[in-house]
Protein backbone atom coordinates (compact mmCIF):
# COMPACT_ATOMS: atom_id res chain seq x y z
CA MET A 1 -34.29 60.94 -114.55
CA LYS A 2 -34.43 63.75 -115.96
CA GLN A 3 -34.48 63.94 -120.07
CA ILE A 4 -35.87 65.56 -123.12
CA LEU A 5 -37.04 63.42 -125.89
CA ILE A 6 -35.16 65.55 -129.41
CA ILE A 7 -35.95 64.43 -132.95
CA VAL A 8 -34.21 65.09 -135.73
CA HIS A 9 -34.18 64.79 -139.60
CA GLN A 10 -30.52 63.29 -140.59
CA PRO A 11 -27.24 60.94 -138.67
CA THR A 12 -25.15 64.47 -139.30
CA SER A 13 -27.98 66.56 -137.43
CA TYR A 14 -26.47 68.68 -134.00
CA THR A 15 -28.26 69.70 -130.93
CA GLY A 16 -26.25 72.66 -130.96
CA LEU A 17 -27.01 75.91 -128.06
CA VAL A 18 -29.89 74.04 -126.90
CA GLY A 19 -28.28 70.35 -126.54
CA LYS A 20 -25.40 72.18 -124.52
CA ILE A 21 -27.68 74.38 -122.36
CA LEU A 22 -29.97 71.28 -121.54
CA ARG A 23 -27.44 68.86 -120.51
CA ALA A 24 -26.11 71.49 -117.73
CA LYS A 25 -29.48 71.84 -116.38
CA GLY A 26 -28.72 68.22 -116.14
CA TYR A 27 -31.33 66.67 -118.60
CA HIS A 28 -30.29 63.34 -120.44
CA LEU A 29 -30.94 64.02 -124.64
CA ASP A 30 -33.18 61.00 -125.87
CA ILE A 31 -31.96 61.70 -129.53
CA ARG A 32 -34.24 59.95 -132.16
CA ILE A 33 -34.18 60.15 -136.19
CA PRO A 34 -37.02 58.40 -137.36
CA SER A 35 -35.96 59.33 -140.81
CA GLN A 36 -33.40 56.74 -139.78
CA GLY A 37 -35.94 54.26 -138.47
CA ASP A 38 -36.45 55.32 -135.25
CA ARG A 39 -39.39 54.98 -133.37
CA LEU A 40 -41.39 58.06 -130.94
CA PRO A 41 -42.43 56.60 -128.13
CA ASP A 42 -46.50 55.96 -127.35
CA ALA A 43 -46.79 57.42 -124.54
CA ILE A 44 -43.66 59.88 -123.45
CA ALA A 45 -44.07 59.14 -119.89
CA ASN A 46 -40.91 59.43 -118.48
CA HIS A 47 -39.55 62.28 -120.50
CA GLN A 48 -40.00 66.23 -119.54
CA GLY A 49 -40.29 67.65 -122.03
CA VAL A 50 -40.22 67.38 -126.18
CA VAL A 51 -37.93 69.27 -128.86
CA ILE A 52 -38.15 68.94 -132.71
CA PHE A 53 -35.48 70.51 -134.37
CA GLY A 54 -34.99 71.66 -138.79
CA GLY A 55 -34.33 70.02 -141.03
CA PRO A 56 -33.13 70.24 -145.40
CA MET A 57 -36.76 67.88 -146.04
CA SER A 58 -40.52 69.54 -145.78
CA VAL A 59 -43.65 69.47 -144.16
CA ASN A 60 -44.67 68.86 -147.89
CA ASP A 61 -42.72 66.40 -148.52
CA ARG A 62 -45.69 63.91 -148.35
CA ASP A 63 -43.02 60.59 -150.25
CA LEU A 64 -41.31 60.69 -147.23
CA PRO A 65 -43.45 58.75 -144.24
CA PHE A 66 -41.86 60.03 -141.22
CA ILE A 67 -43.21 63.33 -142.00
CA ARG A 68 -46.14 62.31 -141.76
CA GLN A 69 -45.20 60.12 -138.72
CA GLU A 70 -43.95 63.28 -136.53
CA ILE A 71 -46.33 65.13 -137.76
CA ASP A 72 -49.40 62.83 -136.54
CA TRP A 73 -46.75 61.71 -133.24
CA ILE A 74 -47.85 65.73 -131.66
CA GLN A 75 -50.28 65.27 -130.61
CA VAL A 76 -49.12 62.61 -128.17
CA VAL A 77 -47.40 65.49 -126.86
CA LEU A 78 -50.02 67.98 -126.53
CA ALA A 79 -52.68 65.92 -125.64
CA SER A 80 -50.04 65.02 -122.02
CA SER A 81 -49.32 68.45 -121.65
CA LYS A 82 -45.56 68.47 -121.62
CA PRO A 83 -43.78 70.90 -122.76
CA PHE A 84 -42.92 70.52 -126.48
CA LEU A 85 -40.31 72.84 -128.75
CA GLY A 86 -40.48 72.84 -132.60
CA ILE A 87 -37.56 74.40 -134.04
CA CYS A 88 -37.85 75.66 -137.82
CA LEU A 89 -38.80 72.73 -139.75
CA GLY A 90 -40.47 72.27 -136.14
CA ALA A 91 -42.34 74.46 -135.75
CA GLN A 92 -44.06 74.10 -139.38
CA MET A 93 -45.01 70.28 -138.18
CA LEU A 94 -46.77 72.05 -135.48
CA ALA A 95 -48.44 74.47 -137.62
CA ARG A 96 -49.21 71.50 -140.22
CA THR A 97 -50.47 70.13 -136.74
CA LEU A 98 -52.80 72.73 -135.57
CA GLY A 99 -53.96 72.70 -138.92
CA ALA A 100 -52.14 75.97 -140.82
CA GLU A 101 -50.79 75.72 -144.02
CA VAL A 102 -46.37 75.86 -144.39
CA THR A 103 -45.80 77.38 -147.61
CA ARG A 104 -42.41 79.68 -149.84
CA HIS A 105 -42.92 82.57 -150.25
CA PRO A 106 -44.77 84.32 -152.80
CA ASN A 107 -41.63 86.17 -153.95
CA ASP A 108 -39.34 83.11 -153.53
CA GLN A 109 -37.99 84.52 -150.63
CA VAL A 110 -35.66 83.05 -148.75
CA GLU A 111 -34.06 83.56 -144.82
CA ILE A 112 -30.83 82.82 -144.55
CA GLY A 113 -29.25 84.86 -142.28
CA TYR A 114 -29.50 86.91 -139.03
CA PHE A 115 -32.63 89.31 -139.41
CA PRO A 116 -34.19 90.45 -136.84
CA ILE A 117 -38.17 89.55 -135.11
CA ILE A 118 -40.80 91.81 -133.61
CA PRO A 119 -42.31 90.76 -130.71
CA THR A 120 -46.18 90.64 -130.70
CA PRO A 121 -47.33 92.26 -127.19
CA GLU A 122 -47.69 89.24 -125.99
CA GLY A 123 -44.19 88.66 -127.02
CA LYS A 124 -42.13 91.18 -125.27
CA ALA A 125 -41.60 89.21 -121.95
CA ILE A 126 -40.23 86.38 -123.86
CA PHE A 127 -38.44 88.50 -126.47
CA GLY A 128 -37.57 91.68 -125.06
CA GLU A 129 -38.33 94.78 -127.90
CA SER A 130 -36.34 92.86 -130.66
CA LEU A 131 -34.12 90.48 -131.13
CA TYR A 132 -31.38 89.88 -133.93
CA VAL A 133 -31.89 85.46 -134.73
CA TYR A 134 -30.20 83.05 -136.89
CA HIS A 135 -32.47 81.74 -139.79
CA TRP A 136 -32.26 79.28 -142.43
CA HIS A 137 -35.58 78.82 -144.15
CA ASN A 138 -37.13 78.83 -147.37
CA GLU A 139 -41.12 78.28 -146.57
CA GLY A 140 -43.55 80.24 -143.92
CA PHE A 141 -46.34 78.89 -141.78
CA ASP A 142 -49.77 80.76 -141.03
CA LEU A 143 -50.60 80.99 -137.69
CA PRO A 144 -53.04 78.14 -136.11
CA GLN A 145 -56.07 78.76 -135.00
CA GLY A 146 -56.16 79.44 -131.66
CA ALA A 147 -52.75 80.11 -131.17
CA VAL A 148 -50.89 83.52 -130.25
CA LYS A 149 -48.15 84.80 -131.53
CA LEU A 150 -45.35 85.91 -130.64
CA ALA A 151 -43.34 87.75 -132.72
CA GLY A 152 -43.15 88.20 -136.71
CA GLY A 153 -40.54 88.91 -139.70
CA GLU A 154 -40.58 91.75 -142.08
CA THR A 155 -40.16 88.56 -145.04
CA PHE A 156 -42.30 85.55 -143.59
CA SER A 157 -44.64 87.46 -141.06
CA ASN A 158 -45.02 84.52 -138.67
CA GLN A 159 -41.33 84.25 -136.83
CA ALA A 160 -42.68 83.15 -133.54
CA PHE A 161 -46.17 81.24 -131.34
CA ARG A 162 -47.47 79.45 -128.40
CA TYR A 163 -50.25 76.44 -128.48
CA GLY A 164 -51.42 76.67 -125.49
CA ALA A 165 -49.11 77.00 -121.96
CA ASN A 166 -46.10 75.38 -123.32
CA ALA A 167 -46.08 73.86 -127.19
CA TYR A 168 -43.36 76.33 -128.86
CA GLY A 169 -42.67 76.67 -131.92
CA LEU A 170 -40.48 79.48 -133.37
CA GLN A 171 -38.86 80.11 -136.95
CA PHE A 172 -35.80 80.92 -136.33
CA HIS A 173 -33.18 79.01 -134.80
CA PRO A 174 -32.07 79.58 -131.29
CA GLU A 175 -29.54 76.43 -131.53
CA LEU A 176 -26.56 77.99 -133.62
CA THR A 177 -23.09 78.10 -132.59
CA GLU A 178 -19.79 79.50 -134.74
CA GLU A 179 -18.91 76.43 -135.98
CA MET A 180 -22.81 74.97 -137.10
CA ILE A 181 -22.41 77.79 -139.03
CA ARG A 182 -19.14 77.09 -140.32
CA ARG A 183 -20.68 74.20 -141.56
CA TRP A 184 -24.31 74.61 -142.78
CA THR A 185 -22.30 77.67 -144.81
CA ILE A 186 -20.05 74.83 -147.12
CA LEU A 187 -22.28 72.56 -146.89
CA GLY A 188 -25.07 74.66 -147.84
CA SER A 189 -23.58 76.49 -150.23
CA ASP A 190 -25.81 76.87 -153.22
CA MET A 191 -28.20 78.13 -150.76
CA LEU A 192 -26.28 81.46 -150.69
CA THR A 193 -27.15 82.40 -153.43
CA LEU A 194 -31.07 82.77 -153.06
CA PRO A 195 -32.38 86.38 -152.74
CA GLY A 196 -32.17 87.09 -149.49
CA ALA A 197 -29.64 84.91 -148.61
CA GLN A 198 -26.68 86.39 -146.87
CA SER A 199 -23.58 85.86 -148.35
CA ARG A 200 -20.74 83.26 -145.55
CA GLU A 201 -19.00 86.16 -144.38
CA ARG A 202 -21.97 88.16 -143.66
CA GLN A 203 -23.60 85.44 -141.38
CA LEU A 204 -20.05 85.10 -139.02
CA GLN A 205 -20.01 89.15 -139.10
CA ASN A 206 -23.59 89.14 -137.19
CA TYR A 207 -22.97 85.85 -135.20
CA ALA A 208 -19.92 87.67 -133.99
CA LYS A 209 -22.51 90.54 -133.41
CA TYR A 210 -25.51 89.11 -132.19
CA GLY A 211 -23.76 85.85 -131.36
CA TYR A 212 -23.44 86.13 -127.34
CA ALA A 213 -26.86 87.91 -126.79
CA LEU A 214 -29.18 85.35 -128.55
CA GLU A 215 -27.71 82.11 -126.28
CA LYS A 216 -28.33 84.26 -122.96
CA TRP A 217 -32.23 84.67 -124.33
CA LEU A 218 -32.38 81.08 -125.40
CA GLU A 219 -31.11 80.28 -121.96
CA ASN A 220 -34.01 82.27 -119.69
CA PHE A 221 -36.40 80.74 -122.54
CA LEU A 222 -35.33 77.13 -121.60
CA ASN A 223 -36.46 77.44 -118.20
CA LEU A 224 -39.37 80.36 -118.93
CA TRP A 225 -40.15 76.95 -121.68
CA LEU A 226 -39.66 74.06 -119.57
CA HIS A 227 -40.76 76.07 -115.90
CA PRO A 228 -43.79 78.13 -117.10
CA GLU A 229 -45.08 78.63 -113.98
CA LYS A 230 -41.91 80.51 -112.83
């Protein structure tokens, strides 16, 4: 059985488009929630890849044991050379595993809503010339030593990187569906008052504008991620 190890951080978390596309490709999703006591495997020989999703917590929440557990455990995946994908908090965990800092914006700006990312020369083969993507974060990561920057942004300068052949960190949320945006903007409505956040109405308008293109991009990216040799 082909399976992907999925790590989420709350029982109410959704895998969204990432889960939909991976299931359509024939993968079983082995979903673990370390914050609820789920164990992470000592080895991932039985998995074809690993995805760590986002969450409202921070890699700097040192009072949360599962945060340190996940950051340390990422080394198991990197040592296996299996595909790894970190999304938002997952990307920040990968960056921290590799020795980089994760901090708030110096002017306390956030990125919530759709914003463009600008590919580097190395990232153009993955992102094209530019891509509007969905964000929900108030911290960003420094580029880890030895990593290749793939895309940057205006507010947070590091938006995507690759480490080795197939470990990727994405600061944005390619998994978001319209239903998830509606849910997040209700449950996190207090965040929409912060500097840099787009209104709920604008986010939904931008989903109609950019959502299809982002889903098509995600399908292609996941093919590349799972089969870098092709």
